Amino acid sequence: MALQGSLSELSLPDVIQMVSVSGKTGVFSVARHDELGKIFLRDGQIVDAVVGALRGDNAVYEMAIWAEGDFTFNPGEETEAVTIHLSNANLMMEAARRLDEWRVLSRKIPSLDLIPFFSSGDQSDQVTLSPHEWILVTRIDNEHTIEEIAEQLHWSAFDVSKLLFGMITSGLVALRSATDESRTETNHQGPSPVTLIGLANRIRSVALDVVGESGEHTIEKQYAGTRVLIEQGAGFDAIRSMVEQHSNAITLLKGSDIAAMFDEQVRPLLGDVSGVPAG
């Protein structure tokens, strides 16, 4: 007979620990809203897990922070895949650590169904963000929820929330519910001009490193034109155009191989946004 229950009554790490000590082989099916994840055990050891676009360790960590949902353990069901090589103890220890960290994050991010948008508060011209934060800001459009953005990026919602926590604390980003109409005027706005200028600065730096002194004047001229377009409200299209202009200039000055190197370095900053030239 299958073991089943609710995550609101018993956390997933506790349930897995209970089953694993018995040395069972089978699969946990974990359901929350429209999400369905699976965690496979072989002789009590976790060997594979999948939820959404996540697989392996990160899939376990993602499901371990779910505070609600239902689980079912079906003994005997196996998988040939082995995507997890950590011991159950180490895996559950990390899951417990993330669960503790999630309790801190939830003070500012109480739900993954909230929609991030760029705050209208004053920000300095110099926006200092990590490469992963730059990827994330390209997906913030005041339309998609935290969970939807995580799915787009194939990241865990936990990792997205960690990045958002810092942005919310600094005042760069705020959250709203899907039913909050007070921010509808910013729909389709995308990243703020300050964020776009900061991103343009980073792209310019990459271009200058690649092209050297011989192309400095051209890169600076293209950056200045992009900045004007951003200030006039051109939005992310100005960034796409800037990347294309830089790539073309580098091709002429240094050749297609160097331009391809530039494209490869810039792509992570844009989060593989459609329309960015591949070189």
Protein backbone atom coordinates (compact mmCIF):
# COMPACT_ATOMS: atom_id res chain seq x y z
CA MET A 1 0.00 0.00 0.00
CA ALA A 2 1.33 3.44 -0.95
CA LEU A 3 2.39 5.88 1.75
CA GLN A 4 0.73 9.27 1.36
CA GLY A 5 0.20 12.47 3.29
CA SER A 6 0.36 16.27 3.33
CA LEU A 7 3.49 18.44 3.40
CA SER A 8 1.69 20.86 5.70
CA GLU A 9 1.75 18.12 8.36
CA LEU A 10 5.11 16.52 7.66
CA SER A 11 8.04 18.09 5.79
CA LEU A 12 9.46 16.28 2.79
CA PRO A 13 12.94 15.76 4.34
CA ASP A 14 11.33 14.08 7.35
CA VAL A 15 9.25 11.81 5.13
CA ILE A 16 12.23 10.82 2.98
CA GLN A 17 14.31 10.10 6.07
CA MET A 18 11.58 7.86 7.41
CA VAL A 19 11.38 5.82 4.20
CA SER A 20 15.11 5.71 3.43
CA VAL A 21 16.07 4.07 6.74
CA SER A 22 13.88 1.11 5.77
CA GLY A 23 15.96 0.57 2.62
CA LYS A 24 12.98 0.76 0.29
CA THR A 25 13.05 1.18 -3.49
CA GLY A 26 10.35 3.35 -5.03
CA VAL A 27 9.34 6.86 -5.98
CA PHE A 28 7.94 9.84 -4.12
CA SER A 29 5.43 11.80 -6.19
CA VAL A 30 5.09 15.31 -4.79
CA ALA A 31 2.27 17.57 -6.01
CA ARG A 32 1.72 21.27 -5.32
CA HIS A 33 -0.83 23.27 -7.31
CA ASP A 34 -0.06 22.34 -10.94
CA GLU A 35 3.48 21.16 -10.18
CA LEU A 36 4.44 17.51 -9.96
CA GLY A 37 7.85 16.28 -8.86
CA LYS A 38 9.38 12.85 -8.40
CA ILE A 39 12.13 11.59 -6.12
CA PHE A 40 13.44 8.07 -6.78
CA LEU A 41 14.99 5.86 -4.10
CA ARG A 42 16.99 2.69 -4.67
CA ASP A 43 17.55 0.54 -1.59
CA GLY A 44 16.79 3.63 0.51
CA GLN A 45 19.28 5.89 -1.30
CA ILE A 46 18.03 8.86 -3.33
CA VAL A 47 19.35 8.40 -6.88
CA ASP A 48 17.25 10.72 -9.07
CA ALA A 49 14.79 13.59 -8.79
CA VAL A 50 12.94 15.85 -11.21
CA VAL A 51 10.54 18.78 -10.95
CA GLY A 52 9.81 21.15 -13.80
CA ALA A 53 13.08 21.96 -15.58
CA LEU A 54 15.19 20.92 -12.58
CA ARG A 55 16.82 17.55 -12.14
CA GLY A 56 19.14 16.00 -9.60
CA ASP A 57 20.16 17.72 -6.35
CA ASN A 58 18.45 21.02 -7.18
CA ALA A 59 15.14 19.25 -7.79
CA VAL A 60 15.28 17.76 -4.28
CA TYR A 61 16.18 21.14 -2.76
CA GLU A 62 13.32 22.80 -4.62
CA MET A 63 10.71 20.38 -3.34
CA ALA A 64 12.17 20.36 0.17
CA ILE A 65 11.14 23.99 0.74
CA TRP A 66 7.52 23.40 -0.27
CA ALA A 67 5.37 24.16 2.75
CA GLU A 68 2.21 22.72 1.20
CA GLY A 69 1.25 19.98 -1.18
CA ASP A 70 0.71 16.23 -1.10
CA PHE A 71 3.11 13.33 -1.37
CA THR A 72 2.71 9.66 -2.27
CA PHE A 73 5.35 6.95 -2.06
CA ASN A 74 4.92 4.04 -4.43
CA PRO A 75 7.27 1.14 -3.60
CA GLY A 76 8.86 -0.87 -6.38
CA GLU A 77 8.89 1.83 -9.08
CA GLU A 78 12.46 2.33 -10.33
CA THR A 79 14.48 4.55 -12.65
CA GLU A 80 17.63 3.81 -14.64
CA ALA A 81 18.87 7.39 -14.29
CA VAL A 82 21.34 8.32 -11.55
CA THR A 83 21.57 12.11 -11.21
CA ILE A 84 22.30 12.30 -7.47
CA HIS A 85 25.56 11.08 -5.94
CA LEU A 86 25.41 12.69 -2.50
CA SER A 87 24.51 10.58 0.49
CA ASN A 88 21.00 11.00 1.87
CA ALA A 89 22.48 12.58 5.01
CA ASN A 90 24.38 15.26 3.07
CA LEU A 91 21.45 15.84 0.74
CA MET A 92 18.99 16.30 3.59
CA MET A 93 21.46 18.47 5.52
CA GLU A 94 21.66 20.88 2.59
CA ALA A 95 17.89 20.74 2.14
CA ALA A 96 17.43 21.64 5.81
CA ARG A 97 19.88 24.54 5.47
CA ARG A 98 17.96 25.90 2.50
CA LEU A 99 14.69 25.49 4.36
CA ASP A 100 16.09 27.65 7.18
CA GLU A 101 17.30 30.21 4.64
CA TRP A 102 13.91 30.15 2.93
CA ARG A 103 12.26 31.16 6.21
CA VAL A 104 14.41 34.33 6.14
CA LEU A 105 13.69 35.00 2.45
CA SER A 106 9.95 34.60 3.03
CA ARG A 107 9.92 37.68 5.24
CA LYS A 108 10.21 39.77 2.07
CA ILE A 109 8.98 37.13 -0.41
CA PRO A 110 5.93 35.52 1.22
CA SER A 111 4.75 33.84 -1.99
CA LEU A 112 6.23 32.69 -5.30
CA ASP A 113 3.00 33.83 -6.96
CA LEU A 114 3.97 37.49 -6.48
CA ILE A 115 5.06 39.55 -9.48
CA PRO A 116 8.33 41.51 -9.29
CA PHE A 117 8.54 44.98 -10.85
CA PHE A 118 11.08 47.77 -10.85
CA SER A 119 10.58 50.26 -8.05
CA SER A 120 10.09 53.93 -8.93
CA GLY A 121 12.33 54.97 -6.03
CA ASP A 122 15.52 56.90 -6.73
CA GLN A 123 18.49 54.77 -7.71
CA SER A 124 22.06 55.78 -8.34
CA ASP A 125 23.31 55.78 -11.92
CA GLN A 126 25.82 53.06 -11.10
CA VAL A 127 23.92 49.82 -10.65
CA THR A 128 26.19 47.11 -9.30
CA LEU A 129 24.77 43.65 -9.87
CA SER A 130 26.27 40.22 -10.33
CA PRO A 131 26.09 38.46 -13.74
CA HIS A 132 23.22 36.28 -12.50
CA GLU A 133 21.37 39.36 -11.23
CA TRP A 134 21.76 40.97 -14.66
CA ILE A 135 20.26 37.89 -16.27
CA LEU A 136 17.37 38.05 -13.83
CA VAL A 137 16.58 41.75 -14.41
CA THR A 138 16.10 41.08 -18.13
CA ARG A 139 13.15 38.83 -17.19
CA ILE A 140 11.40 41.22 -14.81
CA ASP A 141 8.49 42.69 -16.80
CA ASN A 142 5.73 43.32 -14.21
CA GLU A 143 3.75 40.46 -15.73
CA HIS A 144 5.38 37.16 -14.75
CA THR A 145 5.47 35.73 -11.24
CA ILE A 146 8.63 34.66 -9.44
CA GLU A 147 7.82 31.04 -10.17
CA GLU A 148 7.20 31.73 -13.87
CA ILE A 149 10.51 33.60 -14.15
CA ALA A 150 12.29 30.67 -12.52
CA GLU A 151 10.75 28.34 -15.10
CA GLN A 152 11.82 30.63 -17.96
CA LEU A 153 15.42 30.63 -16.75
CA HIS A 154 15.44 26.93 -15.77
CA TRP A 155 16.55 28.04 -12.31
CA SER A 156 15.12 26.99 -8.98
CA ALA A 157 12.59 29.35 -7.42
CA PHE A 158 14.83 29.35 -4.34
CA ASP A 159 17.80 30.73 -6.32
CA VAL A 160 15.63 33.37 -7.99
CA SER A 161 14.24 34.39 -4.60
CA LYS A 162 17.76 34.75 -3.16
CA LEU A 163 18.68 37.18 -5.93
CA LEU A 164 15.41 39.08 -5.61
CA PHE A 165 15.84 39.39 -1.84
CA GLY A 166 18.87 41.64 -2.30
CA MET A 167 17.16 43.72 -4.99
CA ILE A 168 14.07 44.17 -2.82
CA THR A 169 16.19 45.14 0.18
CA SER A 170 18.06 47.76 -1.88
CA GLY A 171 14.79 49.17 -3.21
CA LEU A 172 15.50 48.31 -6.86
CA VAL A 173 12.62 45.82 -7.07
CA ALA A 174 9.23 45.54 -5.37
CA LEU A 175 6.54 42.84 -5.45
CA ARG A 176 2.82 42.93 -6.19
CA SER A 177 0.06 40.38 -6.33
CA ALA A 178 -1.54 39.40 -9.63
CA THR A 179 -4.78 41.10 -8.54
CA ASP A 180 -3.12 44.41 -7.60
CA GLU A 181 -4.18 46.91 -10.26
CA SER A 182 -2.26 49.82 -8.76
CA ARG A 183 0.79 49.07 -10.93
CA THR A 184 -0.89 48.27 -14.24
CA GLU A 185 0.41 51.46 -15.78
CA THR A 186 3.92 49.95 -15.68
CA ASN A 187 2.92 46.78 -17.52
CA HIS A 188 5.13 46.05 -20.54
CA GLN A 189 7.61 48.62 -19.23
CA GLY A 190 10.37 46.10 -18.67
CA PRO A 191 13.63 47.06 -16.97
CA SER A 192 13.93 50.64 -15.74
CA PRO A 193 16.17 53.14 -17.61
CA VAL A 194 18.65 53.07 -14.71
CA THR A 195 18.90 49.27 -14.96
CA LEU A 196 19.30 49.41 -18.74
CA ILE A 197 22.05 52.01 -18.50
CA GLY A 198 23.85 49.84 -15.97
CA LEU A 199 23.54 46.88 -18.33
CA ALA A 200 24.81 49.00 -21.25
CA ASN A 201 27.86 49.91 -19.13
CA ARG A 202 28.68 46.26 -18.58
CA ILE A 203 28.29 45.44 -22.28
CA ARG A 204 30.52 48.40 -23.18
CA SER A 205 33.20 47.10 -20.78
CA VAL A 206 33.13 43.67 -22.41
CA ALA A 207 33.42 45.23 -25.87
CA LEU A 208 36.37 47.43 -24.85
CA ASP A 209 38.21 44.46 -23.35
CA VAL A 210 37.74 42.52 -26.58
CA VAL A 211 38.45 45.22 -29.16
CA GLY A 212 41.27 47.10 -27.43
CA GLU A 213 42.38 50.69 -28.01
CA SER A 214 41.91 50.50 -31.77
CA GLY A 215 38.14 50.33 -31.42
CA GLU A 216 37.64 52.39 -28.28
CA HIS A 217 36.28 55.45 -30.10
CA THR A 218 33.70 53.39 -32.02
CA ILE A 219 32.51 51.50 -28.94
CA GLU A 220 32.20 54.70 -26.87
CA LYS A 221 30.23 56.38 -29.67
CA GLN A 222 27.82 53.47 -29.94
CA TYR A 223 27.39 53.37 -26.16
CA ALA A 224 26.63 57.11 -26.05
CA GLY A 225 23.97 56.69 -28.72
CA THR A 226 22.43 53.77 -26.82
CA ARG A 227 22.29 55.80 -23.63
CA VAL A 228 20.41 58.58 -25.42
CA LEU A 229 17.91 56.05 -26.79
CA ILE A 230 17.36 54.55 -23.33
CA GLU A 231 16.76 57.98 -21.82
CA GLN A 232 14.22 58.61 -24.60
CA GLY A 233 12.34 55.45 -23.62
CA ALA A 234 13.57 52.96 -26.23
CA GLY A 235 13.73 50.21 -23.59
CA PHE A 236 15.45 46.87 -24.12
CA ASP A 237 15.42 47.30 -27.91
CA ALA A 238 18.21 49.84 -27.44
CA ILE A 239 20.32 47.19 -25.69
CA ARG A 240 19.72 44.66 -28.47
CA SER A 241 20.71 47.26 -31.06
CA MET A 242 23.84 48.17 -29.10
CA VAL A 243 24.96 44.53 -28.94
CA GLU A 244 24.45 44.18 -32.69
CA GLN A 245 26.38 47.39 -33.41
CA HIS A 246 29.25 46.33 -31.16
CA SER A 247 29.35 42.89 -32.77
CA ASN A 248 29.46 44.35 -36.28
CA ALA A 249 32.18 46.84 -35.32
CA ILE A 250 34.31 44.12 -33.71
CA THR A 251 33.88 41.93 -36.81
CA LEU A 252 35.24 44.74 -38.99
CA LEU A 253 38.09 45.62 -36.63
CA LYS A 254 39.13 42.22 -35.29
CA GLY A 255 37.39 39.57 -37.36
CA SER A 256 34.46 37.22 -36.86
CA ASP A 257 36.21 34.97 -34.32
CA ILE A 258 36.77 37.88 -31.93
CA ALA A 259 33.19 39.05 -32.51
CA ALA A 260 31.96 35.57 -31.63
CA MET A 261 33.98 35.79 -28.40
CA PHE A 262 32.24 39.08 -27.59
CA ASP A 263 28.81 37.58 -28.30
CA GLU A 264 29.58 34.61 -26.05
CA GLN A 265 30.61 36.84 -23.15
CA VAL A 266 27.61 39.15 -23.51
CA ARG A 267 24.95 36.48 -23.91
CA PRO A 268 24.80 35.55 -20.18
CA LEU A 269 24.21 39.22 -19.30
CA LEU A 270 21.14 39.23 -21.49
CA GLY A 271 19.77 35.92 -20.30
CA ASP A 272 19.78 34.57 -23.88
CA VAL A 273 17.18 37.17 -24.87
CA SER A 274 15.75 36.48 -28.31
CA GLY A 275 17.16 38.73 -30.98
CA VAL A 276 20.70 39.02 -29.65
CA PRO A 277 23.15 38.15 -32.48
CA ALA A 278 25.01 34.89 -32.09
CA GLY A 279 28.12 36.11 -33.86
